Amino acid sequence: LFRDVCKAIKETAFLASEYPVILSLEMHCAAAGQARIAAIMEEVFGDMLGKPFLDAKAGYLPSPAALKRKILVKGKTAAAPSFD
């Protein structure tokens, strides 16, 4: 189950290093399934889940040190990206 995978990641993510873990997800499900996956990750990872930080106005990205003990999610969906 996806929840079990998330729990295993949470338990072992920072045993070797405190630097961020990047999960790369390719979504092949409808919007409702994607919302369910997001809800599971928020529930399991809690504060460890890195919140969106891509801000065009900021002009820079946070350093790896600023993201220590965070789980970052990089996702790709079948739908066209929206940058609103």
Protein backbone atom coordinates (compact mmCIF):
# COMPACT_ATOMS: atom_id res chain seq x y z
CA LEU A 1 0.00 0.00 0.00
CA PHE A 2 1.13 3.57 -0.67
CA ARG A 3 0.67 4.41 3.03
CA ASP A 4 3.05 1.59 3.99
CA VAL A 5 5.68 2.89 1.56
CA CYS A 6 5.37 6.38 3.06
CA LYS A 7 5.75 4.99 6.59
CA ALA A 8 8.89 3.08 5.58
CA ILE A 9 10.35 6.23 4.01
CA LYS A 10 9.58 8.24 7.16
CA GLU A 11 11.25 5.67 9.40
CA THR A 12 14.45 5.40 7.34
CA ALA A 13 14.79 8.70 5.45
CA PHE A 14 17.37 10.36 7.65
CA LEU A 15 19.38 7.48 9.06
CA ALA A 16 22.41 8.15 6.81
CA SER A 17 22.05 11.90 6.31
CA GLU A 18 19.87 14.78 7.48
CA TYR A 19 19.79 16.35 4.02
CA PRO A 20 16.48 16.37 2.14
CA VAL A 21 14.98 13.28 0.56
CA ILE A 22 13.41 13.88 -2.85
CA LEU A 23 10.52 11.67 -3.92
CA SER A 24 9.85 11.73 -7.65
CA LEU A 25 6.26 10.71 -8.39
CA GLU A 26 4.73 10.17 -11.80
CA MET A 27 0.97 10.23 -11.43
CA HIS A 28 -1.13 7.93 -13.57
CA CYS A 29 -4.41 8.45 -11.75
CA ALA A 30 -7.33 10.86 -11.80
CA ALA A 31 -7.45 14.05 -9.75
CA ALA A 32 -9.29 12.28 -6.93
CA GLY A 33 -6.51 9.68 -6.66
CA GLN A 34 -3.86 12.39 -6.69
CA ALA A 35 -5.68 14.21 -3.89
CA ARG A 36 -5.78 10.97 -1.88
CA ILE A 37 -2.04 10.44 -2.39
CA ALA A 38 -1.36 14.02 -1.25
CA ALA A 39 -3.54 13.52 1.83
CA ILE A 40 -1.69 10.31 2.76
CA MET A 41 1.69 12.04 2.42
CA GLU A 42 0.53 14.99 4.56
CA GLU A 43 -0.82 12.60 7.20
CA VAL A 44 2.23 10.32 7.33
CA PHE A 45 5.06 12.84 6.83
CA GLY A 46 3.48 15.75 8.74
CA ASP A 47 6.02 18.52 9.39
CA MET A 48 8.70 16.56 7.55
CA LEU A 49 6.92 17.29 4.27
CA GLY A 50 8.52 20.25 2.52
CA LYS A 51 5.98 22.85 1.56
CA PRO A 52 6.13 24.50 -1.89
CA PHE A 53 8.99 26.97 -2.04
CA LEU A 54 9.21 27.87 -5.71
CA ASP A 55 8.56 31.60 -5.64
CA ALA A 56 9.48 33.47 -8.81
CA LYS A 57 9.62 36.72 -6.82
CA ALA A 58 12.21 35.37 -4.37
CA GLY A 59 14.77 34.76 -7.12
CA TYR A 60 16.48 31.88 -5.31
CA LEU A 61 15.87 28.42 -3.89
CA PRO A 62 16.48 27.37 -0.28
CA SER A 63 19.82 25.74 0.44
CA PRO A 64 20.08 22.01 1.20
CA ALA A 65 21.02 22.97 4.78
CA ALA A 66 17.74 24.91 5.10
CA LEU A 67 15.87 21.79 3.98
CA LYS A 68 17.46 19.34 6.41
CA ARG A 69 15.09 16.60 7.61
CA LYS A 70 12.51 17.51 4.94
CA ILE A 71 10.88 15.24 2.41
CA LEU A 72 10.41 16.98 -0.93
CA VAL A 73 7.99 15.77 -3.56
CA LYS A 74 8.61 16.26 -7.26
CA GLY A 75 5.59 15.26 -9.25
CA LYS A 76 4.54 14.83 -12.84
CA THR A 77 0.97 14.43 -13.95
CA ALA A 78 -0.59 13.68 -17.30
CA ALA A 79 -2.32 17.07 -17.22
CA ALA A 80 -0.59 20.18 -18.52
CA PRO A 81 1.18 22.14 -15.76
CA SER A 82 -0.42 25.28 -14.39
CA PHE A 83 1.68 28.15 -13.11
CA ASP A 84 -1.10 30.41 -11.80
